[in-house]
Amino acid sequence: MMWSDRYYYLNIYKDESLGSYCDTKILREFLNSIPELQQKSKHEFDNVKPFPFTQLLLLNANSIDNWSGSDTNAKRTNLITIVCGKNEHVNFKELKRVFEQISSFIDWSLKTDDNEEFTEYD
């Protein structure tokens, strides 16, 4: 598990085996429709200011715990990793609303980096 007093590390996926995929193009189109996010590259999104610091990677990974930023695929995504700000100036409910919008769209779960349901600040 990765811990930081400055950042949350979250994941969105269907199952821990990463055996379920979504269409990368459809996911990218959906993410581009979210006003708080902007596309940085084919597989990376970040926040639009003044929305709090957020980075998302669309991955085609072999493992939840062992991946790199180059584990991408133009057609299939099985893991979305999220790094976002964590401090007294960040309204996490605002962040979580966006992350849950994404997980709901593809019917996957929002989890902490240790594979637990994310409930902090509920």
N, C-alpha and C. Protein backbone atom coordinates (compact mmCIF):
# COMPACT_ATOMS: atom_id res chain seq x y z
N MET A 1 0.84 -1.18 0.00
CA MET A 1 0.00 0.00 0.00
C MET A 1 0.88 1.24 0.00
N MET A 2 0.50 2.19 -0.76
CA MET A 2 1.24 3.45 -0.82
C MET A 2 0.50 4.48 0.02
N TRP A 3 1.19 5.14 0.95
CA TRP A 3 0.56 6.13 1.80
C TRP A 3 1.26 7.46 1.64
N SER A 4 0.49 8.52 1.69
CA SER A 4 1.05 9.86 1.58
C SER A 4 0.15 10.81 2.35
N ASP A 5 0.75 11.82 2.96
CA ASP A 5 -0.06 12.84 3.61
C ASP A 5 -0.50 13.90 2.62
N ARG A 6 -0.04 13.81 1.38
CA ARG A 6 -0.38 14.80 0.35
C ARG A 6 -1.31 14.27 -0.74
N TYR A 7 -1.34 12.95 -0.94
CA TYR A 7 -2.10 12.38 -2.06
C TYR A 7 -2.89 11.14 -1.65
N TYR A 8 -4.03 10.95 -2.33
CA TYR A 8 -4.75 9.68 -2.28
C TYR A 8 -4.34 8.92 -3.53
N TYR A 9 -4.22 7.61 -3.38
CA TYR A 9 -3.96 6.71 -4.50
C TYR A 9 -5.15 5.78 -4.59
N LEU A 10 -5.90 5.89 -5.67
CA LEU A 10 -7.13 5.14 -5.84
C LEU A 10 -7.11 4.38 -7.16
N ASN A 11 -7.99 3.39 -7.26
CA ASN A 11 -8.12 2.60 -8.48
C ASN A 11 -9.59 2.40 -8.79
N ILE A 12 -9.88 2.26 -10.07
CA ILE A 12 -11.21 1.85 -10.51
C ILE A 12 -11.00 0.61 -11.38
N TYR A 13 -11.68 -0.49 -10.99
CA TYR A 13 -11.59 -1.73 -11.76
C TYR A 13 -12.80 -2.60 -11.44
N LYS A 14 -13.02 -3.62 -12.26
CA LYS A 14 -14.17 -4.52 -12.08
C LYS A 14 -13.86 -5.60 -11.07
N ASP A 15 -12.72 -6.27 -11.23
CA ASP A 15 -12.34 -7.35 -10.33
C ASP A 15 -10.82 -7.37 -10.17
N GLU A 16 -10.36 -7.96 -9.08
CA GLU A 16 -8.92 -7.94 -8.77
C GLU A 16 -8.07 -8.70 -9.78
N SER A 17 -8.66 -9.61 -10.53
CA SER A 17 -7.89 -10.34 -11.55
C SER A 17 -7.68 -9.50 -12.80
N LEU A 18 -8.36 -8.35 -12.87
CA LEU A 18 -8.32 -7.46 -14.03
C LEU A 18 -8.73 -8.18 -15.31
N GLY A 19 -9.66 -9.11 -15.17
CA GLY A 19 -10.13 -9.88 -16.31
C GLY A 19 -11.24 -9.20 -17.11
N SER A 20 -11.76 -8.10 -16.60
CA SER A 20 -12.82 -7.36 -17.29
C SER A 20 -12.26 -6.10 -17.91
N TYR A 21 -12.73 -5.79 -19.09
CA TYR A 21 -12.23 -4.64 -19.84
C TYR A 21 -13.37 -3.72 -20.23
N CYS A 22 -13.02 -2.47 -20.50
CA CYS A 22 -13.95 -1.56 -21.16
C CYS A 22 -13.24 -1.03 -22.40
N ASP A 23 -14.01 -0.52 -23.31
CA ASP A 23 -13.47 0.03 -24.55
C ASP A 23 -12.78 1.35 -24.25
N THR A 24 -11.49 1.44 -24.54
CA THR A 24 -10.70 2.64 -24.23
C THR A 24 -11.27 3.87 -24.92
N LYS A 25 -11.68 3.73 -26.16
CA LYS A 25 -12.20 4.88 -26.90
C LYS A 25 -13.48 5.42 -26.26
N ILE A 26 -14.39 4.53 -25.90
CA ILE A 26 -15.65 4.94 -25.27
C ILE A 26 -15.37 5.58 -23.91
N LEU A 27 -14.45 4.99 -23.15
CA LEU A 27 -14.09 5.55 -21.85
C LEU A 27 -13.47 6.93 -22.01
N ARG A 28 -12.59 7.07 -22.97
CA ARG A 28 -11.95 8.38 -23.23
C ARG A 28 -12.99 9.43 -23.61
N GLU A 29 -13.93 9.06 -24.46
CA GLU A 29 -15.01 9.99 -24.84
C GLU A 29 -15.82 10.42 -23.62
N PHE A 30 -16.11 9.46 -22.74
CA PHE A 30 -16.85 9.79 -21.53
C PHE A 30 -16.05 10.74 -20.63
N LEU A 31 -14.78 10.44 -20.43
CA LEU A 31 -13.94 11.29 -19.58
C LEU A 31 -13.84 12.70 -20.16
N ASN A 32 -13.79 12.80 -21.46
CA ASN A 32 -13.75 14.13 -22.10
C ASN A 32 -15.05 14.91 -21.90
N SER A 33 -16.12 14.23 -21.54
CA SER A 33 -17.39 14.93 -21.29
C SER A 33 -17.49 15.46 -19.85
N ILE A 34 -16.55 15.09 -19.00
CA ILE A 34 -16.56 15.54 -17.60
C ILE A 34 -15.83 16.87 -17.53
N PRO A 35 -16.51 17.95 -17.17
CA PRO A 35 -15.90 19.29 -17.23
C PRO A 35 -14.70 19.49 -16.29
N GLU A 36 -14.60 18.68 -15.24
CA GLU A 36 -13.49 18.82 -14.29
C GLU A 36 -12.20 18.19 -14.78
N LEU A 37 -12.27 17.44 -15.88
CA LEU A 37 -11.09 16.73 -16.39
C LEU A 37 -10.72 17.21 -17.79
N GLN A 38 -9.43 17.06 -18.10
CA GLN A 38 -8.96 17.35 -19.45
C GLN A 38 -7.98 16.25 -19.87
N GLN A 39 -8.01 15.93 -21.15
CA GLN A 39 -7.14 14.90 -21.68
C GLN A 39 -5.75 15.46 -21.86
N LYS A 40 -4.76 14.75 -21.30
CA LYS A 40 -3.36 15.17 -21.38
C LYS A 40 -2.63 14.38 -22.46
N SER A 41 -2.99 13.11 -22.62
CA SER A 41 -2.44 12.25 -23.67
C SER A 41 -3.50 11.19 -23.96
N LYS A 42 -3.18 10.24 -24.82
CA LYS A 42 -4.18 9.23 -25.19
C LYS A 42 -4.72 8.46 -23.99
N HIS A 43 -3.90 8.30 -22.96
CA HIS A 43 -4.30 7.47 -21.82
C HIS A 43 -4.18 8.19 -20.48
N GLU A 44 -4.06 9.51 -20.52
CA GLU A 44 -3.89 10.25 -19.27
C GLU A 44 -4.79 11.49 -19.26
N PHE A 45 -5.41 11.71 -18.11
CA PHE A 45 -6.26 12.87 -17.88
C PHE A 45 -5.79 13.55 -16.61
N ASP A 46 -6.00 14.86 -16.54
CA ASP A 46 -5.75 15.57 -15.30
C ASP A 46 -6.85 16.59 -15.07
N ASN A 47 -6.74 17.31 -13.97
CA ASN A 47 -7.79 18.24 -13.57
C ASN A 47 -7.75 19.53 -14.37
N VAL A 48 -8.92 20.15 -14.47
CA VAL A 48 -9.07 21.50 -14.99
C VAL A 48 -9.19 22.41 -13.77
N LYS A 49 -8.37 23.43 -13.70
CA LYS A 49 -8.43 24.33 -12.55
C LYS A 49 -9.75 25.08 -12.56
N PRO A 50 -10.38 25.29 -11.43
CA PRO A 50 -9.88 25.17 -10.06
C PRO A 50 -10.14 23.82 -9.41
N PHE A 51 -10.57 22.80 -10.18
CA PHE A 51 -10.79 21.48 -9.60
C PHE A 51 -9.48 20.98 -9.00
N PRO A 52 -9.55 20.33 -7.83
CA PRO A 52 -8.32 19.89 -7.15
C PRO A 52 -7.46 18.96 -7.99
N PHE A 53 -6.17 18.95 -7.67
CA PHE A 53 -5.18 18.12 -8.37
C PHE A 53 -5.68 16.69 -8.52
N THR A 54 -5.69 16.23 -9.78
CA THR A 54 -6.13 14.87 -10.11
C THR A 54 -5.36 14.40 -11.34
N GLN A 55 -4.90 13.14 -11.30
CA GLN A 55 -4.31 12.50 -12.47
C GLN A 55 -4.92 11.12 -12.62
N LEU A 56 -5.40 10.80 -13.82
CA LEU A 56 -5.95 9.48 -14.11
C LEU A 56 -5.15 8.85 -15.24
N LEU A 57 -4.88 7.55 -15.11
CA LEU A 57 -4.25 6.77 -16.17
C LEU A 57 -5.19 5.64 -16.56
N LEU A 58 -5.37 5.45 -17.86
CA LEU A 58 -6.18 4.35 -18.40
C LEU A 58 -5.22 3.24 -18.78
N LEU A 59 -5.28 2.13 -18.06
CA LEU A 59 -4.28 1.08 -18.23
C LEU A 59 -4.88 -0.23 -18.71
N ASN A 60 -4.05 -1.03 -19.32
CA ASN A 60 -4.32 -2.43 -19.63
C ASN A 60 -3.23 -3.21 -18.90
N ALA A 61 -3.44 -3.40 -17.61
CA ALA A 61 -2.40 -3.93 -16.72
C ALA A 61 -2.58 -5.43 -16.48
N ASN A 62 -1.47 -6.07 -16.09
CA ASN A 62 -1.51 -7.48 -15.71
C ASN A 62 -1.83 -7.66 -14.24
N SER A 63 -1.56 -6.62 -13.44
CA SER A 63 -1.75 -6.71 -12.00
C SER A 63 -2.11 -5.35 -11.43
N ILE A 64 -2.95 -5.35 -10.40
CA ILE A 64 -3.30 -4.11 -9.73
C ILE A 64 -2.08 -3.51 -9.05
N ASP A 65 -1.20 -4.37 -8.56
CA ASP A 65 -0.06 -3.92 -7.77
C ASP A 65 1.24 -3.75 -8.56
N ASN A 66 1.24 -4.14 -9.82
CA ASN A 66 2.48 -4.10 -10.59
C ASN A 66 2.17 -3.67 -12.02
N TRP A 67 2.30 -2.37 -12.28
CA TRP A 67 2.02 -1.82 -13.59
C TRP A 67 2.92 -0.61 -13.82
N SER A 68 2.97 -0.16 -15.05
CA SER A 68 3.69 1.07 -15.37
C SER A 68 2.80 1.93 -16.25
N GLY A 69 3.18 3.19 -16.42
CA GLY A 69 2.41 4.10 -17.24
C GLY A 69 2.37 3.71 -18.71
N SER A 70 3.22 2.78 -19.10
CA SER A 70 3.22 2.33 -20.50
C SER A 70 2.33 1.11 -20.72
N ASP A 71 1.67 0.61 -19.68
CA ASP A 71 0.75 -0.52 -19.80
C ASP A 71 -0.60 -0.03 -20.31
N THR A 72 -0.63 0.41 -21.55
CA THR A 72 -1.84 0.96 -22.14
C THR A 72 -2.22 0.18 -23.39
N ASN A 73 -3.46 0.35 -23.81
CA ASN A 73 -3.94 -0.33 -25.00
C ASN A 73 -4.99 0.56 -25.66
N ALA A 74 -4.89 0.73 -26.95
CA ALA A 74 -5.82 1.61 -27.67
C ALA A 74 -7.26 1.11 -27.62
N LYS A 75 -7.45 -0.20 -27.42
CA LYS A 75 -8.79 -0.77 -27.46
C LYS A 75 -9.34 -1.20 -26.11
N ARG A 76 -8.45 -1.59 -25.16
CA ARG A 76 -8.93 -2.17 -23.92
C ARG A 76 -8.30 -1.50 -22.70
N THR A 77 -9.15 -1.19 -21.73
CA THR A 77 -8.72 -0.66 -20.44
C THR A 77 -9.30 -1.56 -19.36
N ASN A 78 -8.45 -2.01 -18.42
CA ASN A 78 -8.95 -2.85 -17.33
C ASN A 78 -8.65 -2.26 -15.95
N LEU A 79 -7.98 -1.10 -15.92
CA LEU A 79 -7.63 -0.46 -14.66
C LEU A 79 -7.48 1.04 -14.88
N ILE A 80 -8.13 1.82 -14.03
CA ILE A 80 -7.95 3.27 -14.03
C ILE A 80 -7.28 3.62 -12.71
N THR A 81 -6.10 4.19 -12.77
CA THR A 81 -5.43 4.61 -11.55
C THR A 81 -5.64 6.11 -11.36
N ILE A 82 -5.76 6.51 -10.10
CA ILE A 82 -6.03 7.91 -9.77
C ILE A 82 -5.08 8.36 -8.68
N VAL A 83 -4.48 9.51 -8.89
CA VAL A 83 -3.74 10.20 -7.84
C VAL A 83 -4.43 11.55 -7.69
N CYS A 84 -4.77 11.90 -6.45
CA CYS A 84 -5.44 13.18 -6.24
C CYS A 84 -4.99 13.81 -4.93
N GLY A 85 -5.16 15.11 -4.85
CA GLY A 85 -4.71 15.87 -3.70
C GLY A 85 -5.42 15.49 -2.41
N LYS A 86 -4.68 15.62 -1.32
CA LYS A 86 -5.19 15.27 0.01
C LYS A 86 -4.66 16.30 1.00
N ASN A 87 -5.47 17.28 1.33
CA ASN A 87 -5.08 18.23 2.36
C ASN A 87 -6.31 19.01 2.79
N GLU A 88 -6.14 19.93 3.71
CA GLU A 88 -7.30 20.65 4.25
C GLU A 88 -7.98 21.55 3.23
N HIS A 89 -7.34 21.82 2.10
CA HIS A 89 -7.92 22.68 1.09
C HIS A 89 -8.70 21.90 0.03
N VAL A 90 -8.67 20.56 0.11
CA VAL A 90 -9.33 19.73 -0.88
C VAL A 90 -10.65 19.23 -0.33
N ASN A 91 -11.71 19.47 -1.08
CA ASN A 91 -13.02 18.95 -0.74
C ASN A 91 -13.12 17.57 -1.38
N PHE A 92 -12.85 16.53 -0.58
CA PHE A 92 -12.80 15.20 -1.18
C PHE A 92 -14.16 14.76 -1.71
N LYS A 93 -15.24 15.22 -1.15
CA LYS A 93 -16.56 14.85 -1.66
C LYS A 93 -16.71 15.28 -3.12
N GLU A 94 -16.12 16.42 -3.46
CA GLU A 94 -16.14 16.89 -4.85
C GLU A 94 -15.34 15.95 -5.74
N LEU A 95 -14.16 15.54 -5.28
CA LEU A 95 -13.34 14.59 -6.04
C LEU A 95 -14.08 13.25 -6.19
N LYS A 96 -14.57 12.75 -5.06
CA LYS A 96 -15.21 11.43 -5.07
C LYS A 96 -16.43 11.41 -5.99
N ARG A 97 -17.17 12.52 -6.05
CA ARG A 97 -18.33 12.60 -6.94
C ARG A 97 -17.91 12.32 -8.39
N VAL A 98 -16.80 12.90 -8.82
CA VAL A 98 -16.30 12.68 -10.18
C VAL A 98 -15.84 11.23 -10.35
N PHE A 99 -15.11 10.69 -9.38
CA PHE A 99 -14.61 9.32 -9.49
C PHE A 99 -15.75 8.31 -9.50
N GLU A 100 -16.78 8.57 -8.70
CA GLU A 100 -17.93 7.67 -8.69
C GLU A 100 -18.74 7.78 -9.98
N GLN A 101 -18.74 8.94 -10.60
CA GLN A 101 -19.39 9.11 -11.90
C GLN A 101 -18.70 8.20 -12.92
N ILE A 102 -17.37 8.14 -12.87
CA ILE A 102 -16.61 7.29 -13.79
C ILE A 102 -16.88 5.82 -13.50
N SER A 103 -16.76 5.42 -12.24
CA SER A 103 -16.95 4.01 -11.89
C SER A 103 -18.38 3.55 -12.21
N SER A 104 -19.36 4.42 -12.01
CA SER A 104 -20.74 4.08 -12.32
C SER A 104 -20.94 3.91 -13.83
N PHE A 105 -20.31 4.76 -14.63
CA PHE A 105 -20.44 4.68 -16.08
C PHE A 105 -20.01 3.32 -16.62
N ILE A 106 -18.94 2.76 -16.07
CA ILE A 106 -18.44 1.47 -16.56
C ILE A 106 -18.82 0.31 -15.63
N ASP A 107 -19.59 0.60 -14.56
CA ASP A 107 -20.04 -0.41 -13.60
C ASP A 107 -18.87 -1.14 -12.95
N TRP A 108 -17.88 -0.38 -12.53
CA TRP A 108 -16.72 -0.89 -11.80
C TRP A 108 -16.73 -0.28 -10.41
N SER A 109 -15.73 -0.65 -9.58
CA SER A 109 -15.65 -0.18 -8.20
C SER A 109 -14.50 0.79 -8.01
N LEU A 110 -14.73 1.77 -7.16
CA LEU A 110 -13.69 2.71 -6.74
C LEU A 110 -13.07 2.15 -5.48
N LYS A 111 -11.75 1.91 -5.51
CA LYS A 111 -11.04 1.28 -4.39
C LYS A 111 -9.80 2.08 -4.02
N THR A 112 -9.36 1.86 -2.78
CA THR A 112 -8.07 2.41 -2.36
C THR A 112 -6.98 1.57 -3.00
N ASP A 113 -5.73 2.00 -2.88
CA ASP A 113 -4.66 1.22 -3.49
C ASP A 113 -4.40 -0.10 -2.77
N ASP A 114 -5.02 -0.33 -1.61
CA ASP A 114 -4.92 -1.64 -0.96
C ASP A 114 -6.21 -2.45 -1.17
N ASN A 115 -6.94 -2.12 -2.23
CA ASN A 115 -8.09 -2.87 -2.73
C ASN A 115 -9.30 -2.85 -1.80
N GLU A 116 -9.43 -1.82 -1.00
CA GLU A 116 -10.58 -1.66 -0.12
C GLU A 116 -11.54 -0.63 -0.74
N GLU A 117 -12.82 -0.80 -0.44
CA GLU A 117 -13.79 0.21 -0.87
C GLU A 117 -13.39 1.54 -0.27
N PHE A 118 -13.48 2.59 -1.05
CA PHE A 118 -13.07 3.91 -0.55
C PHE A 118 -14.24 4.58 0.14
N THR A 119 -14.11 4.78 1.44
CA THR A 119 -15.19 5.38 2.21
C THR A 119 -14.76 6.61 2.99
N GLU A 120 -13.52 6.98 2.93
CA GLU A 120 -13.04 8.14 3.69
C GLU A 120 -13.83 9.39 3.29
N TYR A 121 -14.17 10.17 4.27
CA TYR A 121 -14.91 11.43 4.10
C TYR A 121 -16.32 11.24 3.57
N ASP A 122 -16.88 10.05 3.71
CA ASP A 122 -18.29 9.85 3.30
C ASP A 122 -19.20 10.69 4.16
